[in-house]
N, C-alpha and C. Protein backbone atom coordinates (compact mmCIF):
# COMPACT_ATOMS: atom_id res chain seq x y z
N UNK A 1 132.32 45.11 137.03
CA UNK A 1 132.29 46.58 137.00
C UNK A 1 132.92 47.10 138.29
N UNK A 2 133.64 48.15 138.16
CA UNK A 2 134.30 48.80 139.28
C UNK A 2 133.28 49.33 140.28
N UNK A 3 133.65 49.36 141.55
CA UNK A 3 132.78 49.97 142.55
C UNK A 3 133.11 51.45 142.76
N UNK A 4 133.95 52.00 141.89
CA UNK A 4 134.31 53.40 141.93
C UNK A 4 133.05 54.25 141.71
N UNK A 5 132.93 55.35 142.44
CA UNK A 5 131.76 56.22 142.32
C UNK A 5 131.99 57.26 141.21
N UNK A 6 131.77 56.85 139.97
CA UNK A 6 131.96 57.74 138.82
C UNK A 6 131.06 58.97 138.91
N UNK A 7 129.83 58.75 139.36
CA UNK A 7 128.86 59.85 139.43
C UNK A 7 129.33 61.00 140.30
N UNK A 8 130.16 60.70 141.32
CA UNK A 8 130.62 61.76 142.22
C UNK A 8 131.51 62.78 141.51
N UNK A 9 132.03 62.42 140.33
CA UNK A 9 132.90 63.32 139.58
C UNK A 9 132.22 63.89 138.33
N UNK A 10 130.91 63.73 138.25
CA UNK A 10 130.12 64.31 137.16
C UNK A 10 129.33 65.47 137.75
N UNK A 11 129.45 66.63 137.15
CA UNK A 11 128.77 67.83 137.66
C UNK A 11 127.57 68.15 136.78
N UNK A 12 126.41 68.26 137.41
CA UNK A 12 125.19 68.66 136.71
C UNK A 12 125.16 70.18 136.56
N UNK A 13 124.96 70.64 135.33
CA UNK A 13 124.85 72.07 135.04
C UNK A 13 123.43 72.32 134.52
N UNK A 14 122.55 72.87 135.38
CA UNK A 14 121.18 73.09 134.93
C UNK A 14 121.09 74.20 133.89
N UNK A 15 120.13 74.02 133.00
CA UNK A 15 119.80 75.02 131.98
C UNK A 15 120.96 75.34 131.05
N UNK A 16 121.78 74.33 130.74
CA UNK A 16 122.87 74.50 129.79
C UNK A 16 122.81 73.37 128.78
N UNK A 17 122.88 73.60 127.51
CA UNK A 17 123.11 74.88 126.83
C UNK A 17 121.85 75.71 126.64
N UNK A 18 120.72 75.19 127.11
CA UNK A 18 119.47 75.95 126.99
C UNK A 18 118.57 75.60 128.16
N UNK A 19 117.58 76.43 128.44
CA UNK A 19 116.69 76.18 129.58
C UNK A 19 116.04 74.79 129.50
N UNK A 20 115.98 74.12 130.64
CA UNK A 20 115.35 72.81 130.74
C UNK A 20 116.30 71.65 130.54
N UNK A 21 117.51 71.90 130.07
CA UNK A 21 118.51 70.85 129.86
C UNK A 21 119.44 70.80 131.06
N UNK A 22 119.72 69.59 131.53
CA UNK A 22 120.73 69.41 132.58
C UNK A 22 121.95 68.78 131.92
N UNK A 23 122.99 69.59 131.76
CA UNK A 23 124.23 69.15 131.11
C UNK A 23 125.05 68.35 132.12
N UNK A 24 125.55 67.22 131.69
CA UNK A 24 126.41 66.37 132.53
C UNK A 24 127.86 66.67 132.16
N UNK A 25 128.56 67.41 133.01
CA UNK A 25 129.94 67.80 132.76
C UNK A 25 130.89 66.71 133.27
N UNK A 26 131.57 66.05 132.34
CA UNK A 26 132.49 64.97 132.71
C UNK A 26 133.93 65.44 132.84
N UNK A 27 134.19 66.72 132.62
CA UNK A 27 135.58 67.18 132.71
C UNK A 27 136.20 66.98 134.10
N UNK A 28 135.42 67.07 135.20
CA UNK A 28 136.04 66.75 136.50
C UNK A 28 136.48 65.28 136.60
N UNK A 29 135.79 64.39 135.93
CA UNK A 29 136.20 62.98 135.90
C UNK A 29 137.54 62.83 135.20
N UNK A 30 137.73 63.55 134.09
CA UNK A 30 139.01 63.52 133.38
C UNK A 30 140.12 64.16 134.21
N UNK A 31 139.80 65.19 134.98
CA UNK A 31 140.80 65.92 135.76
C UNK A 31 141.27 65.16 136.99
N UNK A 32 140.47 64.21 137.44
CA UNK A 32 140.81 63.43 138.63
C UNK A 32 141.63 62.20 138.22
N UNK A 33 142.89 62.09 138.68
CA UNK A 33 143.73 60.96 138.23
C UNK A 33 143.11 59.59 138.51
N UNK A 34 142.51 59.42 139.68
CA UNK A 34 141.88 58.13 140.00
C UNK A 34 140.64 57.91 139.14
N UNK A 35 139.86 58.98 138.94
CA UNK A 35 138.66 58.86 138.12
C UNK A 35 138.98 58.52 136.68
N UNK A 36 140.00 59.19 136.14
CA UNK A 36 140.41 58.91 134.76
C UNK A 36 140.89 57.47 134.63
N UNK A 37 141.75 57.05 135.55
CA UNK A 37 142.28 55.68 135.50
C UNK A 37 141.17 54.65 135.62
N UNK A 38 140.26 54.84 136.57
CA UNK A 38 139.14 53.90 136.74
C UNK A 38 138.25 53.86 135.51
N UNK A 39 138.03 55.00 134.89
CA UNK A 39 137.23 55.06 133.67
C UNK A 39 137.85 54.19 132.59
N UNK A 40 139.13 54.40 132.34
CA UNK A 40 139.84 53.68 131.29
C UNK A 40 139.90 52.18 131.60
N UNK A 41 140.31 51.83 132.80
CA UNK A 41 140.48 50.42 133.16
C UNK A 41 139.13 49.69 133.17
N UNK A 42 138.09 50.34 133.67
CA UNK A 42 136.78 49.69 133.72
C UNK A 42 136.25 49.40 132.32
N UNK A 43 136.37 50.36 131.42
CA UNK A 43 135.94 50.12 130.03
C UNK A 43 136.80 49.03 129.41
N UNK A 44 138.10 49.13 129.56
CA UNK A 44 139.00 48.12 128.97
C UNK A 44 138.74 46.74 129.55
N UNK A 45 138.53 46.65 130.86
CA UNK A 45 138.29 45.34 131.49
C UNK A 45 137.05 44.66 130.91
N UNK A 46 136.03 45.46 130.60
CA UNK A 46 134.80 44.87 130.05
C UNK A 46 135.07 44.18 128.70
N UNK A 47 136.04 44.69 127.95
CA UNK A 47 136.31 44.16 126.61
C UNK A 47 137.67 43.46 126.52
N UNK A 48 138.33 43.26 127.65
CA UNK A 48 139.72 42.78 127.66
C UNK A 48 139.90 41.43 126.95
N UNK A 49 138.94 40.55 127.06
CA UNK A 49 139.07 39.22 126.47
C UNK A 49 138.43 39.11 125.08
N UNK A 50 138.08 40.24 124.49
CA UNK A 50 137.39 40.23 123.19
C UNK A 50 138.35 40.28 122.01
N UNK A 51 139.65 40.39 122.26
CA UNK A 51 140.61 40.41 121.16
C UNK A 51 140.60 41.69 120.35
N UNK A 52 140.26 42.81 120.97
CA UNK A 52 140.19 44.10 120.27
C UNK A 52 141.55 44.42 119.65
N UNK A 53 141.55 44.74 118.35
CA UNK A 53 142.78 45.17 117.68
C UNK A 53 142.79 46.66 117.39
N UNK A 54 141.59 47.28 117.30
CA UNK A 54 141.48 48.71 117.02
C UNK A 54 140.35 49.30 117.87
N UNK A 55 140.61 50.50 118.36
CA UNK A 55 139.58 51.30 119.04
C UNK A 55 139.34 52.51 118.15
N UNK A 56 138.07 52.78 117.85
CA UNK A 56 137.70 53.95 117.06
C UNK A 56 136.99 54.93 117.98
N UNK A 57 137.44 56.18 117.93
CA UNK A 57 136.83 57.24 118.72
C UNK A 57 136.30 58.34 117.82
N UNK A 58 134.98 58.60 117.86
CA UNK A 58 134.44 59.70 117.08
C UNK A 58 134.89 61.06 117.64
N UNK A 59 135.04 62.00 116.74
CA UNK A 59 135.44 63.36 117.10
C UNK A 59 134.42 63.96 118.07
N UNK A 60 134.79 64.64 119.07
CA UNK A 60 136.13 64.93 119.54
C UNK A 60 136.40 64.23 120.87
N UNK A 61 135.38 64.08 121.70
CA UNK A 61 135.64 63.48 123.00
C UNK A 61 135.90 61.98 122.93
N UNK A 62 135.55 61.36 121.83
CA UNK A 62 135.92 59.96 121.64
C UNK A 62 137.43 59.80 121.58
N UNK A 63 138.13 60.87 121.20
CA UNK A 63 139.59 60.83 121.20
C UNK A 63 140.11 60.76 122.64
N UNK A 64 139.51 61.58 123.51
CA UNK A 64 139.97 61.66 124.90
C UNK A 64 139.83 60.31 125.60
N UNK A 65 138.72 59.63 125.39
CA UNK A 65 138.46 58.36 126.06
C UNK A 65 139.09 57.19 125.29
N UNK A 66 139.02 57.26 123.97
CA UNK A 66 139.45 56.14 123.15
C UNK A 66 140.93 55.84 123.17
N UNK A 67 141.77 56.88 123.17
CA UNK A 67 143.23 56.65 123.15
C UNK A 67 143.70 55.87 124.37
N UNK A 68 143.36 56.29 125.60
CA UNK A 68 143.85 55.50 126.73
C UNK A 68 143.23 54.11 126.81
N UNK A 69 141.99 53.95 126.36
CA UNK A 69 141.40 52.60 126.33
C UNK A 69 142.17 51.72 125.34
N UNK A 70 142.50 52.26 124.19
CA UNK A 70 143.29 51.50 123.20
C UNK A 70 144.63 51.10 123.80
N UNK A 71 145.29 52.03 124.47
CA UNK A 71 146.58 51.73 125.10
C UNK A 71 146.43 50.62 126.14
N UNK A 72 145.39 50.71 126.95
CA UNK A 72 145.15 49.70 127.99
C UNK A 72 144.89 48.32 127.39
N UNK A 73 144.27 48.29 126.20
CA UNK A 73 143.97 47.02 125.53
C UNK A 73 145.09 46.54 124.61
N UNK A 74 146.13 47.35 124.44
CA UNK A 74 147.20 46.99 123.52
C UNK A 74 146.73 47.03 122.07
N UNK A 75 145.80 47.93 121.79
CA UNK A 75 145.21 48.05 120.45
C UNK A 75 145.63 49.38 119.83
N UNK A 76 145.39 49.52 118.54
CA UNK A 76 145.60 50.79 117.87
C UNK A 76 144.40 51.69 118.04
N UNK A 77 144.60 52.98 117.84
CA UNK A 77 143.50 53.94 117.92
C UNK A 77 143.27 54.59 116.56
N UNK A 78 142.01 54.70 116.17
CA UNK A 78 141.62 55.29 114.90
C UNK A 78 140.65 56.43 115.17
N UNK A 79 140.99 57.67 114.76
CA UNK A 79 140.04 58.76 114.93
C UNK A 79 139.01 58.77 113.81
N UNK A 80 137.75 58.93 114.17
CA UNK A 80 136.68 59.14 113.19
C UNK A 80 136.43 60.65 113.18
N UNK A 81 136.75 61.29 112.04
CA UNK A 81 136.76 62.75 111.96
C UNK A 81 135.64 63.29 111.10
N UNK A 82 135.36 64.56 111.29
CA UNK A 82 134.43 65.27 110.42
C UNK A 82 135.08 65.39 109.03
N UNK A 83 134.28 65.56 107.98
CA UNK A 83 134.83 65.64 106.62
C UNK A 83 135.89 66.74 106.47
N UNK A 84 136.92 66.40 105.69
CA UNK A 84 137.96 67.36 105.36
C UNK A 84 139.06 67.48 106.39
N UNK A 85 139.03 66.69 107.45
CA UNK A 85 140.03 66.80 108.51
C UNK A 85 141.17 65.78 108.36
N UNK A 86 140.97 64.77 107.53
CA UNK A 86 142.00 63.74 107.36
C UNK A 86 142.70 63.94 106.01
N UNK A 87 144.03 63.79 105.96
CA UNK A 87 144.77 64.17 104.76
C UNK A 87 144.85 63.14 103.65
N UNK A 88 144.50 61.88 103.93
CA UNK A 88 144.62 60.86 102.89
C UNK A 88 143.23 60.35 102.49
N UNK A 89 143.20 59.36 101.59
CA UNK A 89 141.93 58.79 101.15
C UNK A 89 141.15 58.24 102.35
N UNK A 90 139.84 58.49 102.32
CA UNK A 90 139.01 58.09 103.44
C UNK A 90 137.78 57.31 103.00
N UNK A 91 137.25 56.55 103.95
CA UNK A 91 135.90 56.02 103.86
C UNK A 91 135.03 57.01 104.61
N UNK A 92 133.78 57.17 104.15
CA UNK A 92 132.90 58.14 104.76
C UNK A 92 131.51 57.54 104.96
N UNK A 93 130.84 58.00 105.99
CA UNK A 93 129.45 57.62 106.23
C UNK A 93 128.69 58.87 106.66
N UNK A 94 127.49 59.02 106.12
CA UNK A 94 126.60 60.10 106.53
C UNK A 94 125.52 59.54 107.43
N UNK A 95 125.03 60.36 108.33
CA UNK A 95 123.99 59.92 109.24
C UNK A 95 123.07 61.08 109.58
N UNK A 96 121.88 60.73 110.02
CA UNK A 96 120.85 61.72 110.32
C UNK A 96 121.03 62.30 111.72
N UNK A 97 120.86 63.59 111.81
CA UNK A 97 120.78 64.29 113.08
C UNK A 97 119.33 64.71 113.27
N UNK A 98 119.03 65.27 114.42
CA UNK A 98 117.67 65.72 114.67
C UNK A 98 117.22 66.71 113.59
N UNK A 99 118.14 67.62 113.21
CA UNK A 99 117.82 68.59 112.17
C UNK A 99 118.94 68.60 111.14
N UNK A 100 118.93 67.65 110.23
CA UNK A 100 119.93 67.61 109.17
C UNK A 100 120.75 66.33 109.17
N UNK A 101 121.92 66.42 108.58
CA UNK A 101 122.79 65.26 108.50
C UNK A 101 124.22 65.66 108.87
N UNK A 102 125.03 64.66 109.14
CA UNK A 102 126.45 64.87 109.40
C UNK A 102 127.20 63.70 108.80
N UNK A 103 128.52 63.76 108.79
CA UNK A 103 129.34 62.69 108.23
C UNK A 103 130.57 62.48 109.10
N UNK A 104 131.10 61.27 109.02
CA UNK A 104 132.36 60.92 109.67
C UNK A 104 133.23 60.20 108.65
N UNK A 105 134.55 60.34 108.81
CA UNK A 105 135.50 59.70 107.91
C UNK A 105 136.62 59.05 108.70
N UNK A 106 137.16 57.98 108.14
CA UNK A 106 138.40 57.39 108.65
C UNK A 106 139.30 57.09 107.45
N UNK A 107 140.59 57.10 107.70
CA UNK A 107 141.52 56.76 106.62
C UNK A 107 141.28 55.35 106.11
N UNK A 108 141.40 55.17 104.80
CA UNK A 108 141.14 53.87 104.18
C UNK A 108 142.09 52.78 104.68
N UNK A 109 143.31 53.15 105.06
CA UNK A 109 144.27 52.14 105.51
C UNK A 109 144.27 51.93 107.02
N UNK A 110 143.34 52.56 107.74
CA UNK A 110 143.35 52.53 109.20
C UNK A 110 142.82 51.21 109.78
N UNK A 111 141.83 50.65 109.13
CA UNK A 111 141.20 49.41 109.61
C UNK A 111 141.20 48.43 108.46
N UNK A 112 141.48 47.19 108.80
CA UNK A 112 141.54 46.13 107.78
C UNK A 112 140.44 45.11 108.06
N UNK A 113 140.00 44.40 107.02
CA UNK A 113 139.09 43.28 107.26
C UNK A 113 139.75 42.32 108.25
N UNK A 114 138.96 41.85 109.20
CA UNK A 114 139.49 40.96 110.23
C UNK A 114 139.85 41.66 111.52
N UNK A 115 140.03 43.00 111.48
CA UNK A 115 140.25 43.72 112.73
C UNK A 115 139.02 43.57 113.61
N UNK A 116 139.23 43.54 114.91
CA UNK A 116 138.15 43.50 115.90
C UNK A 116 138.09 44.88 116.54
N UNK A 117 136.98 45.56 116.33
CA UNK A 117 136.90 46.99 116.63
C UNK A 117 135.92 47.28 117.77
N UNK A 118 136.37 48.17 118.65
CA UNK A 118 135.55 48.71 119.72
C UNK A 118 135.39 50.21 119.45
N UNK A 119 134.16 50.71 119.51
CA UNK A 119 133.89 52.13 119.35
C UNK A 119 133.70 52.73 120.73
N UNK A 120 134.49 53.78 121.03
CA UNK A 120 134.47 54.40 122.36
C UNK A 120 134.19 55.89 122.21
N UNK A 121 133.24 56.37 123.03
CA UNK A 121 132.93 57.80 123.05
C UNK A 121 132.62 58.20 124.48
N UNK A 122 132.55 59.50 124.73
CA UNK A 122 132.23 59.96 126.07
C UNK A 122 130.76 59.76 126.38
N UNK A 123 129.91 59.94 125.38
CA UNK A 123 128.47 59.97 125.57
C UNK A 123 127.77 59.27 124.42
N UNK A 124 126.77 58.48 124.76
CA UNK A 124 125.86 57.96 123.73
C UNK A 124 124.49 58.52 124.08
N UNK A 125 123.99 59.39 123.21
CA UNK A 125 122.69 60.02 123.43
C UNK A 125 121.63 59.28 122.61
N UNK A 126 121.45 59.66 121.36
CA UNK A 126 120.48 58.95 120.51
C UNK A 126 121.08 57.69 119.90
N UNK A 127 122.41 57.61 119.89
CA UNK A 127 123.11 56.49 119.27
C UNK A 127 123.48 56.71 117.83
N UNK A 128 123.10 57.86 117.26
CA UNK A 128 123.32 58.11 115.84
C UNK A 128 124.78 58.14 115.44
N UNK A 129 125.61 58.84 116.19
CA UNK A 129 127.03 58.92 115.86
C UNK A 129 127.69 57.56 116.01
N UNK A 130 127.41 56.89 117.11
CA UNK A 130 128.01 55.56 117.35
C UNK A 130 127.56 54.57 116.28
N UNK A 131 126.29 54.57 115.94
CA UNK A 131 125.78 53.65 114.93
C UNK A 131 126.41 53.92 113.57
N UNK A 132 126.55 55.20 113.21
CA UNK A 132 127.19 55.54 111.94
C UNK A 132 128.65 55.08 111.93
N UNK A 133 129.34 55.26 113.04
CA UNK A 133 130.72 54.80 113.13
C UNK A 133 130.78 53.29 112.99
N UNK A 134 129.83 52.60 113.58
CA UNK A 134 129.75 51.14 113.45
C UNK A 134 129.52 50.71 112.02
N UNK A 135 128.67 51.43 111.30
CA UNK A 135 128.43 51.11 109.88
C UNK A 135 129.71 51.26 109.07
N UNK A 136 130.45 52.31 109.36
CA UNK A 136 131.71 52.55 108.67
C UNK A 136 132.68 51.39 108.89
N UNK A 137 132.79 50.95 110.12
CA UNK A 137 133.66 49.81 110.47
C UNK A 137 133.23 48.55 109.73
N UNK A 138 131.93 48.29 109.72
CA UNK A 138 131.41 47.09 109.08
C UNK A 138 131.54 47.14 107.56
N UNK A 139 131.41 48.32 106.96
CA UNK A 139 131.56 48.46 105.50
C UNK A 139 132.97 48.07 105.07
N UNK A 140 133.92 48.29 105.93
CA UNK A 140 135.32 47.96 105.62
C UNK A 140 135.54 46.44 105.71
N UNK A 141 134.68 45.76 106.44
CA UNK A 141 134.83 44.32 106.60
C UNK A 141 135.45 43.93 107.93
N UNK A 142 135.61 44.89 108.82
CA UNK A 142 136.12 44.58 110.16
C UNK A 142 134.96 44.07 111.02
N UNK A 143 135.32 43.44 112.12
CA UNK A 143 134.31 42.94 113.05
C UNK A 143 134.04 43.99 114.11
N UNK A 144 132.82 44.46 114.19
CA UNK A 144 132.41 45.40 115.22
C UNK A 144 132.09 44.59 116.48
N UNK A 145 132.90 44.76 117.50
CA UNK A 145 132.72 44.00 118.74
C UNK A 145 131.71 44.69 119.65
N UNK A 146 131.80 46.01 119.76
CA UNK A 146 130.87 46.69 120.65
C UNK A 146 131.10 48.17 120.73
N UNK A 147 130.31 48.77 121.64
CA UNK A 147 130.33 50.21 121.89
C UNK A 147 130.56 50.43 123.37
N UNK A 148 131.33 51.46 123.72
CA UNK A 148 131.53 51.80 125.12
C UNK A 148 131.47 53.31 125.29
N UNK A 149 130.95 53.74 126.43
CA UNK A 149 130.87 55.17 126.72
C UNK A 149 130.90 55.39 128.22
N UNK A 150 131.09 56.64 128.59
CA UNK A 150 131.01 57.01 130.00
C UNK A 150 129.55 57.20 130.38
N UNK A 151 128.83 58.00 129.61
CA UNK A 151 127.43 58.31 129.88
C UNK A 151 126.52 57.79 128.77
N UNK A 152 125.46 57.11 129.16
CA UNK A 152 124.44 56.68 128.22
C UNK A 152 123.12 57.34 128.63
N UNK A 153 122.55 58.11 127.73
CA UNK A 153 121.27 58.76 128.00
C UNK A 153 120.14 57.80 127.62
N UNK A 154 119.77 56.95 128.57
CA UNK A 154 118.79 55.90 128.31
C UNK A 154 117.44 56.44 127.86
N UNK A 155 117.07 57.63 128.35
CA UNK A 155 115.76 58.19 128.01
C UNK A 155 115.65 58.53 126.53
N UNK A 156 116.77 58.56 125.82
CA UNK A 156 116.73 58.78 124.36
C UNK A 156 116.78 57.46 123.57
N UNK A 157 116.78 56.33 124.27
CA UNK A 157 116.73 55.00 123.66
C UNK A 157 117.84 54.73 122.64
N UNK A 158 119.11 54.99 122.98
CA UNK A 158 120.17 54.77 122.01
C UNK A 158 120.37 53.31 121.62
N UNK A 159 120.03 52.39 122.50
CA UNK A 159 120.26 50.98 122.19
C UNK A 159 119.39 50.50 121.04
N UNK A 160 118.25 51.13 120.84
CA UNK A 160 117.40 50.81 119.69
C UNK A 160 118.14 51.14 118.40
N UNK A 161 118.74 52.32 118.35
CA UNK A 161 119.50 52.74 117.17
C UNK A 161 120.73 51.84 116.98
N UNK A 162 121.44 51.56 118.06
CA UNK A 162 122.65 50.74 117.97
C UNK A 162 122.34 49.31 117.53
N UNK A 163 121.17 48.81 117.89
CA UNK A 163 120.79 47.44 117.52
C UNK A 163 120.60 47.29 116.01
N UNK A 164 120.41 48.40 115.30
CA UNK A 164 120.25 48.33 113.85
C UNK A 164 121.52 47.84 113.17
N UNK A 165 122.66 47.98 113.82
CA UNK A 165 123.93 47.50 113.23
C UNK A 165 124.25 46.08 113.66
N UNK A 166 123.35 45.44 114.37
CA UNK A 166 123.56 44.06 114.80
C UNK A 166 123.55 43.96 116.32
N UNK A 167 123.72 42.76 116.79
CA UNK A 167 123.69 42.50 118.22
C UNK A 167 125.09 42.65 118.80
N UNK A 168 125.45 43.86 119.20
CA UNK A 168 126.78 44.14 119.71
C UNK A 168 126.69 44.55 121.17
N UNK A 169 127.76 44.28 121.89
CA UNK A 169 127.85 44.65 123.29
C UNK A 169 127.84 46.18 123.43
N UNK A 170 127.00 46.70 124.30
CA UNK A 170 126.97 48.13 124.59
C UNK A 170 127.26 48.27 126.08
N UNK A 171 128.34 48.97 126.41
CA UNK A 171 128.77 49.11 127.79
C UNK A 171 128.86 50.59 128.15
N UNK A 172 128.23 50.96 129.25
CA UNK A 172 128.30 52.34 129.72
C UNK A 172 128.58 52.35 131.22
N UNK A 173 129.41 53.30 131.63
CA UNK A 173 129.73 53.43 133.06
C UNK A 173 128.56 53.99 133.84
N UNK A 174 127.85 54.96 133.25
CA UNK A 174 126.74 55.62 133.92
C UNK A 174 125.56 55.65 132.97
N UNK A 175 124.41 55.20 133.44
CA UNK A 175 123.17 55.25 132.67
C UNK A 175 122.28 56.32 133.26
N UNK A 176 121.91 57.28 132.43
CA UNK A 176 121.05 58.37 132.86
C UNK A 176 119.65 58.09 132.32
N UNK A 177 118.70 57.87 133.27
CA UNK A 177 117.33 57.54 132.82
C UNK A 177 116.42 58.74 132.85
């Protein structure tokens, strides 16, 4: 793991989006050229020898982190989008939210059986979105190698949810307890 101080580029915003919540703003990390590079390289280095062929990024910040990680790994990038955003035939998975459900889709020809897939997002909170994306990858017959994020909210126990899809590597730059 890099000795770069990622936390120094994360800004705490108290009482956002509602009282009692401390929002972790990662946009300064993206705006800093060294911070962005260290973020991408550190995540990629953790999975560099895993033979990743595809990186999947859930909408929307998974796109920001996932594309450069895919480039660094020499892999393709696949966006996991909300329903109705992709123009061709898709695979879809629904998952539970705190109050309701949501869905993600990927194009049917985006991932093939035998692909080795890494799921990358900016944040893993409860693990629901990442786990659903992992189920989608596994339903296609690809190998889910692991999950990576910038921030992991440990106090919400996301690894419990992620473990439901199997024993996969979970890597986070910053763990918030």
